[in-house]
C-alpha atoms as a PDB file:
ATOM      1  CA  MET A   1      21.976 -23.054 -17.710  1.00  0.00           C
ATOM      2  CA  ILE A   2      18.736 -20.840 -17.137  1.00  0.00           C
ATOM      3  CA  LEU A   3      16.584 -21.555 -14.832  1.00  0.00           C
ATOM      4  CA  ARG A   4      13.031 -21.716 -16.416  1.00  0.00           C
ATOM      5  CA  HIS A   5      10.434 -23.216 -14.035  1.00  0.00           C
ATOM      6  CA  VAL A   6       9.675 -23.952 -10.045  1.00  0.00           C
ATOM      7  CA  THR A   7       8.207 -27.276 -10.905  1.00  0.00           C
ATOM      8  CA  PHE A   8       5.258 -28.261  -8.573  1.00  0.00           C
ATOM      9  CA  ASP A   9       3.659 -31.892  -8.080  1.00  0.00           C
ATOM     10  CA  ALA A  10       0.090 -31.128  -7.119  1.00  0.00           C
ATOM     11  CA  GLY A  11      -3.647 -32.509  -7.239  1.00  0.00           C
ATOM     12  CA  ASN A  12      -5.388 -29.283  -9.250  1.00  0.00           C
ATOM     13  CA  PRO A  13      -3.025 -28.748 -10.396  1.00  0.00           C
ATOM     14  CA  TYR A  14      -4.612 -24.892 -11.822  1.00  0.00           C
ATOM     15  CA  ASP A  15      -6.071 -23.977  -8.224  1.00  0.00           C
ATOM     16  CA  LEU A  16      -2.976 -24.166  -6.002  1.00  0.00           C
ATOM     17  CA  ALA A  17      -2.226 -22.064 -10.162  1.00  0.00           C
ATOM     18  CA  VAL A  18      -4.364 -19.698  -8.683  1.00  0.00           C
ATOM     19  CA  PHE A  19      -3.122 -19.222  -5.261  1.00  0.00           C
ATOM     20  CA  TRP A  20       0.558 -18.972  -6.641  1.00  0.00           C
ATOM     21  CA  SER A  21      -0.631 -15.456  -8.876  1.00  0.00           C
ATOM     22  CA  GLN A  22      -2.660 -14.365  -6.226  1.00  0.00           C
ATOM     23  CA  ALA A  23       0.279 -14.382  -3.418  1.00  0.00           C
ATOM     24  CA  THR A  24       2.864 -13.608  -6.255  1.00  0.00           C
ATOM     25  CA  GLY A  25       0.827 -10.788  -8.667  1.00  0.00           C
ATOM     26  CA  TRP A  26       2.506 -12.848 -10.987  1.00  0.00           C
ATOM     27  CA  PRO A  27      -0.038 -14.137 -14.111  1.00  0.00           C
ATOM     28  CA  VAL A  28      -1.454 -17.457 -15.093  1.00  0.00           C
ATOM     29  CA  ALA A  29      -0.322 -18.303 -17.680  1.00  0.00           C
ATOM     30  CA  ASP A  30      -2.417 -17.076 -21.511  1.00  0.00           C
ATOM     31  CA  GLY A  31      -4.717 -20.411 -22.150  1.00  0.00           C
ATOM     32  CA  ASP A  32      -4.369 -22.231 -19.365  1.00  0.00           C
ATOM     33  CA  VAL A  33      -7.203 -22.914 -17.596  1.00  0.00           C
ATOM     34  CA  PRO A  34      -8.791 -25.017 -14.748  1.00  0.00           C
ATOM     35  CA  GLY A  35      -8.498 -29.138 -15.571  1.00  0.00           C
ATOM     36  CA  ASP A  36      -5.248 -28.531 -17.220  1.00  0.00           C
ATOM     37  CA  ASN A  37      -2.949 -30.785 -15.695  1.00  0.00           C
ATOM     38  CA  GLU A  38      -0.154 -28.802 -16.209  1.00  0.00           C
ATOM     39  CA  VAL A  39      -0.662 -24.897 -15.063  1.00  0.00           C
ATOM     40  CA  LEU A  40       2.534 -22.420 -15.226  1.00  0.00           C
ATOM     41  CA  VAL A  41       2.502 -18.763 -13.004  1.00  0.00           C
ATOM     42  CA  GLU A  42       4.588 -16.368 -15.557  1.00  0.00           C
ATOM     43  CA  ALA A  43       6.981 -14.638 -13.736  1.00  0.00           C
ATOM     44  CA  PRO A  44       8.811 -11.658 -14.576  1.00  0.00           C
ATOM     45  CA  SER A  45      12.320 -11.931 -16.405  1.00  0.00           C
ATOM     46  CA  PRO A  46      14.772 -13.083 -16.102  1.00  0.00           C
ATOM     47  CA  VAL A  47      13.344 -15.138 -12.318  1.00  0.00           C
ATOM     48  CA  PRO A  48      12.115 -18.338 -13.299  1.00  0.00           C
ATOM     49  CA  GLY A  49       8.347 -19.492 -13.925  1.00  0.00           C
ATOM     50  CA  MET A  50       6.369 -22.016 -10.883  1.00  0.00           C
ATOM     51  CA  LEU A  51       5.018 -25.028 -13.161  1.00  0.00           C
ATOM     52  CA  PHE A  52       2.374 -26.555 -11.054  1.00  0.00           C
ATOM     53  CA  ILE A  53       2.225 -30.277 -12.506  1.00  0.00           C
ATOM     54  CA  GLY A  54      -1.096 -32.919 -11.765  1.00  0.00           C
ATOM     55  CA  VAL A  55      -0.338 -35.525 -10.095  1.00  0.00           C
ATOM     56  CA  PRO A  56      -2.544 -39.231  -8.658  1.00  0.00           C
ATOM     57  CA  GLU A  57      -0.779 -39.679  -5.395  1.00  0.00           C
ATOM     58  CA  GLY A  58      -1.293 -36.749  -2.176  1.00  0.00           C
ATOM     59  CA  LYS A  59       1.811 -34.586  -0.658  1.00  0.00           C
ATOM     60  CA  ALA A  60       2.831 -37.249   1.949  1.00  0.00           C
ATOM     61  CA  VAL A  61       6.027 -35.668   3.169  1.00  0.00           C
ATOM     62  CA  LYS A  62       7.968 -32.838   4.603  1.00  0.00           C
ATOM     63  CA  ASN A  63       9.884 -31.126   1.462  1.00  0.00           C
ATOM     64  CA  ARG A  64      12.896 -31.995   0.530  1.00  0.00           C
ATOM     65  CA  ILE A  65      13.080 -27.874  -0.758  1.00  0.00           C
ATOM     66  CA  HIS A  66      11.395 -25.063  -0.485  1.00  0.00           C
ATOM     67  CA  ILE A  67      11.204 -22.106  -0.884  1.00  0.00           C
ATOM     68  CA  ASP A  68      12.205 -18.495   0.863  1.00  0.00           C
ATOM     69  CA  TRP A  69      10.088 -14.935   0.278  1.00  0.00           C
ATOM     70  CA  GLN A  70      10.558 -11.369   0.983  1.00  0.00           C
ATOM     71  CA  PRO A  71       8.608  -9.266   1.135  1.00  0.00           C
ATOM     72  CA  ASP A  72       8.646  -6.249  -1.391  1.00  0.00           C
ATOM     73  CA  GLU A  73       5.346  -4.618   0.052  1.00  0.00           C
ATOM     74  CA  ARG A  74       4.824  -5.131   2.613  1.00  0.00           C
ATOM     75  CA  SER A  75       6.088  -6.337   5.960  1.00  0.00           C
ATOM     76  CA  ARG A  76       6.944  -9.981   7.351  1.00  0.00           C
ATOM     77  CA  ASP A  77       4.229  -9.950   9.278  1.00  0.00           C
ATOM     78  CA  GLU A  78       2.119  -8.160   6.988  1.00  0.00           C
ATOM     79  CA  GLU A  79       2.607 -11.636   4.692  1.00  0.00           C
ATOM     80  CA  VAL A  80       2.662 -14.317   6.811  1.00  0.00           C
ATOM     81  CA  GLU A  81      -1.635 -11.992   6.675  1.00  0.00           C
ATOM     82  CA  ARG A  82      -2.233 -12.138   2.932  1.00  0.00           C
ATOM     83  CA  LEU A  83      -1.321 -15.039   2.656  1.00  0.00           C
ATOM     84  CA  LEU A  84      -3.191 -16.838   5.625  1.00  0.00           C
ATOM     85  CA  THR A  85      -6.542 -15.110   3.883  1.00  0.00           C
ATOM     86  CA  LEU A  86      -5.573 -16.505   0.285  1.00  0.00           C
ATOM     87  CA  GLY A  87      -5.418 -19.767   1.975  1.00  0.00           C
ATOM     88  CA  ALA A  88      -1.745 -20.348   3.756  1.00  0.00           C
ATOM     89  CA  THR A  89      -1.041 -22.050   6.115  1.00  0.00           C
ATOM     90  CA  ILE A  90       1.871 -21.505   9.097  1.00  0.00           C
ATOM     91  CA  PHE A  91       3.613 -24.703   9.836  1.00  0.00           C
ATOM     92  CA  GLU A  92       5.990 -23.242  12.159  1.00  0.00           C
ATOM     93  CA  ASP A  93       7.120 -20.076  13.755  1.00  0.00           C
ATOM     94  CA  HIS A  94      10.386 -18.858  14.449  1.00  0.00           C
ATOM     95  CA  ARG A  95       9.346 -14.945  14.424  1.00  0.00           C
ATOM     96  CA  THR A  96      11.746 -13.728  18.423  1.00  0.00           C
ATOM     97  CA  PRO A  97      10.266 -11.119  20.577  1.00  0.00           C
ATOM     98  CA  GLU A  98      13.087  -9.108  18.856  1.00  0.00           C
ATOM     99  CA  GLY A  99      11.331  -8.528  15.961  1.00  0.00           C
ATOM    100  CA  THR A 100      13.699 -10.857  13.647  1.00  0.00           C
ATOM    101  CA  GLY A 101      12.947 -15.042  12.343  1.00  0.00           C
ATOM    102  CA  TRP A 102      10.930 -16.130   9.637  1.00  0.00           C
ATOM    103  CA  VAL A 103       7.541 -18.169   8.439  1.00  0.00           C
ATOM    104  CA  THR A 104       6.902 -21.743   7.262  1.00  0.00           C
ATOM    105  CA  MET A 105       3.660 -20.832   5.791  1.00  0.00           C
ATOM    106  CA  GLN A 106       2.106 -24.284   3.579  1.00  0.00           C
ATOM    107  CA  ASP A 107       0.745 -23.476   0.543  1.00  0.00           C
ATOM    108  CA  PRO A 108      -3.190 -25.286   0.122  1.00  0.00           C
ATOM    109  CA  GLU A 109      -1.282 -28.359  -0.824  1.00  0.00           C
ATOM    110  CA  GLY A 110       0.464 -28.753   1.613  1.00  0.00           C
ATOM    111  CA  ASN A 111       4.112 -27.525   0.652  1.00  0.00           C
ATOM    112  CA  GLU A 112       5.921 -25.929   2.916  1.00  0.00           C
ATOM    113  CA  PHE A 113       7.420 -22.368   2.002  1.00  0.00           C
ATOM    114  CA  CYS A 114       8.859 -18.927   4.355  1.00  0.00           C
ATOM    115  CA  ILE A 115       8.190 -15.659   4.321  1.00  0.00           C
ATOM    116  CA  GLU A 116      11.320 -13.631   5.559  1.00  0.00           C
ATOM    117  CA  ARG A 117      11.316  -9.672   6.651  1.00  0.00           C
ATOM    118  CA  SER A 118      11.577  -7.193   4.781  1.00  0.00           C
ATOM    119  CA  THR A 119      14.700  -5.289   2.897  1.00  0.00           C
ATOM    120  CA  ALA A 120      13.288  -1.977   5.440  1.00  0.00           C
ATOM    121  CA  GLU A 121      12.656  -4.732   8.456  1.00  0.00           C
ATOM    122  CA  ARG A 122      16.355  -5.588   7.594  1.00  0.00           C
ATOM    123  CA  THR A 123      17.654  -2.428   8.384  1.00  0.00           C
ATOM    124  CA  GLN A 124      16.135  -1.062  11.288  1.00  0.00           C
END
């Protein structure tokens, strides 16, 4: 099997896809427009894309699964700050005084995801 997409329920699929497009640098699929009930953020192969599907109900509980991201062009803390400017929020901060740890964030619709230390930070 091939993992094609990670799918998210969304109140506003297009807006959430735009957030993740800005966060990842991956494009929203050609032809996907505001008001669509399904919107795809296309990842570079072989990475699965992110598919956002409209649902009528809002998010009610903590996700049972989430994505862990490792920055490749910035430090963990720089990535956290960049994502805050895009509309994410900090849910739980697990950074330690020694510089280890991660940050659990939420996207604009409350889906949790983590930002880990970059490869460069892990080798220091």
